[in-house]
Amino acid sequence: MAQQLTSQIGQPKTEVVREIVQHALRNAATASTSNGAIDVLGEALLELERLVAHRSVCTH
């Protein structure tokens, strides 16, 4: 997923966020356990945090 983030930096912010969230929700829905689903969603949140931090650094 991190590689996907890197390749999408040029896309509009809302589109990237939407794709990350949709990907995470699909993976969480098909996870074999609740803990697996929680892990997937947690990873997505971390990725969103990195995206925001990266964009913050780029705009300063």
PDB file of N, CA and C in Angstrom:
ATOM      1  N   MET A   1       0.818  -1.191   0.000  1.00  0.00           N
ATOM      2  CA  MET A   1       0.000   0.000   0.000  1.00  0.00           C
ATOM      3  C   MET A   1       0.859   1.252   0.000  1.00  0.00           C
ATOM      4  N   ALA A   2       1.975   1.227   0.685  1.00  0.00           N
ATOM      5  CA  ALA A   2       2.847   2.406   0.720  1.00  0.00           C
ATOM      6  C   ALA A   2       3.347   2.748  -0.675  1.00  0.00           C
ATOM      7  N   GLN A   3       3.641   1.726  -1.480  1.00  0.00           N
ATOM      8  CA  GLN A   3       4.088   1.966  -2.848  1.00  0.00           C
ATOM      9  C   GLN A   3       2.962   2.615  -3.643  1.00  0.00           C
ATOM     10  N   GLN A   4       1.731   2.179  -3.401  1.00  0.00           N
ATOM     11  CA  GLN A   4       0.578   2.771  -4.057  1.00  0.00           C
ATOM     12  C   GLN A   4       0.477   4.250  -3.699  1.00  0.00           C
ATOM     13  N   LEU A   5       0.717   4.578  -2.441  1.00  0.00           N
ATOM     14  CA  LEU A   5       0.687   5.958  -1.980  1.00  0.00           C
ATOM     15  C   LEU A   5       1.715   6.788  -2.738  1.00  0.00           C
ATOM     16  N   THR A   6       2.914   6.264  -2.862  1.00  0.00           N
ATOM     17  CA  THR A   6       3.993   6.986  -3.535  1.00  0.00           C
ATOM     18  C   THR A   6       3.637   7.268  -4.988  1.00  0.00           C
ATOM     19  N   SER A   7       2.994   6.318  -5.654  1.00  0.00           N
ATOM     20  CA  SER A   7       2.666   6.504  -7.055  1.00  0.00           C
ATOM     21  C   SER A   7       1.490   7.443  -7.257  1.00  0.00           C
ATOM     22  N   GLN A   8       0.736   7.744  -6.185  1.00  0.00           N
ATOM     23  CA  GLN A   8      -0.447   8.566  -6.321  1.00  0.00           C
ATOM     24  C   GLN A   8      -0.268   9.983  -5.795  1.00  0.00           C
ATOM     25  N   ILE A   9       0.917  10.348  -5.403  1.00  0.00           N
ATOM     26  CA  ILE A   9       1.147  11.662  -4.805  1.00  0.00           C
ATOM     27  C   ILE A   9       0.656  12.781  -5.716  1.00  0.00           C
ATOM     28  N   GLY A  10       0.746  12.601  -7.025  1.00  0.00           N
ATOM     29  CA  GLY A  10       0.324  13.643  -7.948  1.00  0.00           C
ATOM     30  C   GLY A  10      -1.181  13.766  -8.100  1.00  0.00           C
ATOM     31  N   GLN A  11      -1.949  12.779  -7.665  1.00  0.00           N
ATOM     32  CA  GLN A  11      -3.392  12.823  -7.793  1.00  0.00           C
ATOM     33  C   GLN A  11      -3.985  13.806  -6.791  1.00  0.00           C
ATOM     34  N   PRO A  12      -5.202  14.258  -7.080  1.00  0.00           N
ATOM     35  CA  PRO A  12      -5.866  15.123  -6.101  1.00  0.00           C
ATOM     36  C   PRO A  12      -6.013  14.407  -4.761  1.00  0.00           C
ATOM     37  N   LYS A  13      -5.861  15.155  -3.689  1.00  0.00           N
ATOM     38  CA  LYS A  13      -5.845  14.582  -2.346  1.00  0.00           C
ATOM     39  C   LYS A  13      -7.092  13.753  -2.054  1.00  0.00           C
ATOM     40  N   THR A  14      -8.263  14.248  -2.395  1.00  0.00           N
ATOM     41  CA  THR A  14      -9.490  13.527  -2.062  1.00  0.00           C
ATOM     42  C   THR A  14      -9.564  12.184  -2.783  1.00  0.00           C
ATOM     43  N   GLU A  15      -9.067  12.117  -3.995  1.00  0.00           N
ATOM     44  CA  GLU A  15      -9.090  10.862  -4.748  1.00  0.00           C
ATOM     45  C   GLU A  15      -8.175   9.825  -4.095  1.00  0.00           C
ATOM     46  N   VAL A  16      -7.000  10.242  -3.661  1.00  0.00           N
ATOM     47  CA  VAL A  16      -6.065   9.326  -3.003  1.00  0.00           C
ATOM     48  C   VAL A  16      -6.655   8.813  -1.702  1.00  0.00           C
ATOM     49  N   VAL A  17      -7.223   9.708  -0.916  1.00  0.00           N
ATOM     50  CA  VAL A  17      -7.831   9.310   0.356  1.00  0.00           C
ATOM     51  C   VAL A  17      -8.963   8.326   0.103  1.00  0.00           C
ATOM     52  N   ARG A  18      -9.791   8.615  -0.870  1.00  0.00           N
ATOM     53  CA  ARG A  18     -10.907   7.730  -1.210  1.00  0.00           C
ATOM     54  C   ARG A  18     -10.414   6.341  -1.589  1.00  0.00           C
ATOM     55  N   GLU A  19      -9.379   6.264  -2.395  1.00  0.00           N
ATOM     56  CA  GLU A  19      -8.841   4.971  -2.810  1.00  0.00           C
ATOM     57  C   GLU A  19      -8.256   4.195  -1.632  1.00  0.00           C
ATOM     58  N   ILE A  20      -7.549   4.875  -0.752  1.00  0.00           N
ATOM     59  CA  ILE A  20      -6.969   4.210   0.421  1.00  0.00           C
ATOM     60  C   ILE A  20      -8.080   3.643   1.294  1.00  0.00           C
ATOM     61  N   VAL A  21      -9.107   4.449   1.539  1.00  0.00           N
ATOM     62  CA  VAL A  21     -10.210   4.014   2.395  1.00  0.00           C
ATOM     63  C   VAL A  21     -10.965   2.854   1.755  1.00  0.00           C
ATOM     64  N   GLN A  22     -11.267   2.945   0.471  1.00  0.00           N
ATOM     65  CA  GLN A  22     -11.990   1.864  -0.200  1.00  0.00           C
ATOM     66  C   GLN A  22     -11.193   0.565  -0.167  1.00  0.00           C
ATOM     67  N   HIS A  23      -9.908   0.660  -0.417  1.00  0.00           N
ATOM     68  CA  HIS A  23      -9.046  -0.525  -0.399  1.00  0.00           C
ATOM     69  C   HIS A  23      -9.051  -1.162   0.996  1.00  0.00           C
ATOM     70  N   ALA A  24      -8.932  -0.325   2.012  1.00  0.00           N
ATOM     71  CA  ALA A  24      -8.916  -0.834   3.388  1.00  0.00           C
ATOM     72  C   ALA A  24     -10.247  -1.472   3.755  1.00  0.00           C
ATOM     73  N   LEU A  25     -11.348  -0.844   3.382  1.00  0.00           N
ATOM     74  CA  LEU A  25     -12.659  -1.406   3.706  1.00  0.00           C
ATOM     75  C   LEU A  25     -12.888  -2.745   3.008  1.00  0.00           C
ATOM     76  N   ARG A  26     -12.468  -2.843   1.754  1.00  0.00           N
ATOM     77  CA  ARG A  26     -12.605  -4.122   1.043  1.00  0.00           C
ATOM     78  C   ARG A  26     -11.784  -5.218   1.722  1.00  0.00           C
ATOM     79  N   ASN A  27     -10.559  -4.884   2.072  1.00  0.00           N
ATOM     80  CA  ASN A  27      -9.698  -5.874   2.724  1.00  0.00           C
ATOM     81  C   ASN A  27     -10.203  -6.237   4.114  1.00  0.00           C
ATOM     82  N   ALA A  28     -10.707  -5.255   4.832  1.00  0.00           N
ATOM     83  CA  ALA A  28     -11.240  -5.528   6.174  1.00  0.00           C
ATOM     84  C   ALA A  28     -12.477  -6.417   6.078  1.00  0.00           C
ATOM     85  N   ALA A  29     -13.303  -6.182   5.073  1.00  0.00           N
ATOM     86  CA  ALA A  29     -14.526  -6.968   4.906  1.00  0.00           C
ATOM     87  C   ALA A  29     -14.229  -8.430   4.593  1.00  0.00           C
ATOM     88  N   THR A  30     -13.096  -8.680   3.968  1.00  0.00           N
ATOM     89  CA  THR A  30     -12.763 -10.061   3.601  1.00  0.00           C
ATOM     90  C   THR A  30     -11.714 -10.685   4.519  1.00  0.00           C
ATOM     91  N   ALA A  31     -11.339  -9.969   5.556  1.00  0.00           N
ATOM     92  CA  ALA A  31     -10.350 -10.504   6.505  1.00  0.00           C
ATOM     93  C   ALA A  31     -10.942 -11.724   7.208  1.00  0.00           C
ATOM     94  N   SER A  32     -10.089 -12.675   7.520  1.00  0.00           N
ATOM     95  CA  SER A  32     -10.570 -13.924   8.114  1.00  0.00           C
ATOM     96  C   SER A  32     -10.927 -13.788   9.591  1.00  0.00           C
ATOM     97  N   THR A  33     -10.410 -12.768  10.257  1.00  0.00           N
ATOM     98  CA  THR A  33     -10.716 -12.566  11.677  1.00  0.00           C
ATOM     99  C   THR A  33     -10.983 -11.092  11.945  1.00  0.00           C
ATOM    100  N   SER A  34     -11.605 -10.823  13.081  1.00  0.00           N
ATOM    101  CA  SER A  34     -11.823  -9.417  13.463  1.00  0.00           C
ATOM    102  C   SER A  34     -10.503  -8.708  13.670  1.00  0.00           C
ATOM    103  N   ASN A  35      -9.542  -9.402  14.261  1.00  0.00           N
ATOM    104  CA  ASN A  35      -8.228  -8.778  14.470  1.00  0.00           C
ATOM    105  C   ASN A  35      -7.565  -8.450  13.139  1.00  0.00           C
ATOM    106  N   GLY A  36      -7.743  -9.310  12.158  1.00  0.00           N
ATOM    107  CA  GLY A  36      -7.202  -9.041  10.825  1.00  0.00           C
ATOM    108  C   GLY A  36      -7.830  -7.798  10.222  1.00  0.00           C
ATOM    109  N   ALA A  37      -9.137  -7.650  10.402  1.00  0.00           N
ATOM    110  CA  ALA A  37      -9.835  -6.479   9.885  1.00  0.00           C
ATOM    111  C   ALA A  37      -9.349  -5.212  10.590  1.00  0.00           C
ATOM    112  N   ILE A  38      -9.173  -5.314  11.889  1.00  0.00           N
ATOM    113  CA  ILE A  38      -8.685  -4.167  12.664  1.00  0.00           C
ATOM    114  C   ILE A  38      -7.276  -3.789  12.212  1.00  0.00           C
ATOM    115  N   ASP A  39      -6.434  -4.781  11.959  1.00  0.00           N
ATOM    116  CA  ASP A  39      -5.074  -4.520  11.475  1.00  0.00           C
ATOM    117  C   ASP A  39      -5.090  -3.796  10.138  1.00  0.00           C
ATOM    118  N   VAL A  40      -5.960  -4.246   9.238  1.00  0.00           N
ATOM    119  CA  VAL A  40      -6.064  -3.616   7.910  1.00  0.00           C
ATOM    120  C   VAL A  40      -6.480  -2.156   8.052  1.00  0.00           C
ATOM    121  N   LEU A  41      -7.488  -1.921   8.871  1.00  0.00           N
ATOM    122  CA  LEU A  41      -7.962  -0.548   9.060  1.00  0.00           C
ATOM    123  C   LEU A  41      -6.907   0.318   9.744  1.00  0.00           C
ATOM    124  N   GLY A  42      -6.188  -0.260  10.692  1.00  0.00           N
ATOM    125  CA  GLY A  42      -5.114   0.470  11.355  1.00  0.00           C
ATOM    126  C   GLY A  42      -4.011   0.857  10.388  1.00  0.00           C
ATOM    127  N   GLU A  43      -3.660  -0.067   9.506  1.00  0.00           N
ATOM    128  CA  GLU A  43      -2.640   0.235   8.495  1.00  0.00           C
ATOM    129  C   GLU A  43      -3.100   1.369   7.582  1.00  0.00           C
ATOM    130  N   ALA A  44      -4.376   1.364   7.233  1.00  0.00           N
ATOM    131  CA  ALA A  44      -4.903   2.436   6.382  1.00  0.00           C
ATOM    132  C   ALA A  44      -4.816   3.782   7.092  1.00  0.00           C
ATOM    133  N   LEU A  45      -5.127   3.783   8.379  1.00  0.00           N
ATOM    134  CA  LEU A  45      -5.016   5.035   9.133  1.00  0.00           C
ATOM    135  C   LEU A  45      -3.571   5.537   9.175  1.00  0.00           C
ATOM    136  N   LEU A  46      -2.634   4.625   9.345  1.00  0.00           N
ATOM    137  CA  LEU A  46      -1.221   5.019   9.344  1.00  0.00           C
ATOM    138  C   LEU A  46      -0.816   5.565   7.981  1.00  0.00           C
ATOM    139  N   GLU A  47      -1.320   4.945   6.928  1.00  0.00           N
ATOM    140  CA  GLU A  47      -0.998   5.415   5.588  1.00  0.00           C
ATOM    141  C   GLU A  47      -1.581   6.806   5.347  1.00  0.00           C
ATOM    142  N   LEU A  48      -2.797   7.029   5.808  1.00  0.00           N
ATOM    143  CA  LEU A  48      -3.400   8.354   5.678  1.00  0.00           C
ATOM    144  C   LEU A  48      -2.604   9.389   6.463  1.00  0.00           C
ATOM    145  N   GLU A  49      -2.126   8.996   7.639  1.00  0.00           N
ATOM    146  CA  GLU A  49      -1.302   9.899   8.442  1.00  0.00           C
ATOM    147  C   GLU A  49      -0.013  10.257   7.698  1.00  0.00           C
ATOM    148  N   ARG A  50       0.623   9.262   7.067  1.00  0.00           N
ATOM    149  CA  ARG A  50       1.846   9.528   6.293  1.00  0.00           C
ATOM    150  C   ARG A  50       1.543  10.445   5.109  1.00  0.00           C
ATOM    151  N   LEU A  51       0.404  10.230   4.474  1.00  0.00           N
ATOM    152  CA  LEU A  51       0.015  11.064   3.339  1.00  0.00           C
ATOM    153  C   LEU A  51      -0.141  12.521   3.778  1.00  0.00           C
ATOM    154  N   VAL A  52      -0.836  12.735   4.874  1.00  0.00           N
ATOM    155  CA  VAL A  52      -1.035  14.091   5.380  1.00  0.00           C
ATOM    156  C   VAL A  52       0.309  14.718   5.759  1.00  0.00           C
ATOM    157  N   ALA A  53       1.161  13.948   6.435  1.00  0.00           N
ATOM    158  CA  ALA A  53       2.470  14.467   6.832  1.00  0.00           C
ATOM    159  C   ALA A  53       3.301  14.821   5.611  1.00  0.00           C
ATOM    160  N   HIS A  54       3.272  13.967   4.597  1.00  0.00           N
ATOM    161  CA  HIS A  54       4.064  14.207   3.383  1.00  0.00           C
ATOM    162  C   HIS A  54       3.575  15.469   2.680  1.00  0.00           C
ATOM    163  N   ARG A  55       2.284  15.606   2.564  1.00  0.00           N
ATOM    164  CA  ARG A  55       1.737  16.793   1.899  1.00  0.00           C
ATOM    165  C   ARG A  55       2.013  18.052   2.703  1.00  0.00           C
ATOM    166  N   SER A  56       2.028  17.916   4.017  1.00  0.00           N
ATOM    167  CA  SER A  56       2.321  19.055   4.878  1.00  0.00           C
ATOM    168  C   SER A  56       3.758  19.523   4.656  1.00  0.00           C
ATOM    169  N   VAL A  57       4.678  18.575   4.565  1.00  0.00           N
ATOM    170  CA  VAL A  57       6.086  18.900   4.325  1.00  0.00           C
ATOM    171  C   VAL A  57       6.255  19.521   2.953  1.00  0.00           C
ATOM    172  N   CYS A  58       5.542  19.014   1.958  1.00  0.00           N
ATOM    173  CA  CYS A  58       5.659  19.525   0.592  1.00  0.00           C
ATOM    174  C   CYS A  58       5.122  20.947   0.447  1.00  0.00           C
ATOM    175  N   THR A  59       4.155  21.305   1.282  1.00  0.00           N
ATOM    176  CA  THR A  59       3.553  22.634   1.134  1.00  0.00           C
ATOM    177  C   THR A  59       4.273  23.688   1.970  1.00  0.00           C
ATOM    178  N   HIS A  60       5.199  23.282   2.816  1.00  0.00           N
ATOM    179  CA  HIS A  60       5.913  24.266   3.640  1.00  0.00           C
ATOM    180  C   HIS A  60       7.232  24.629   3.064  1.00  0.00           C
TER     181      HIS A  60
END
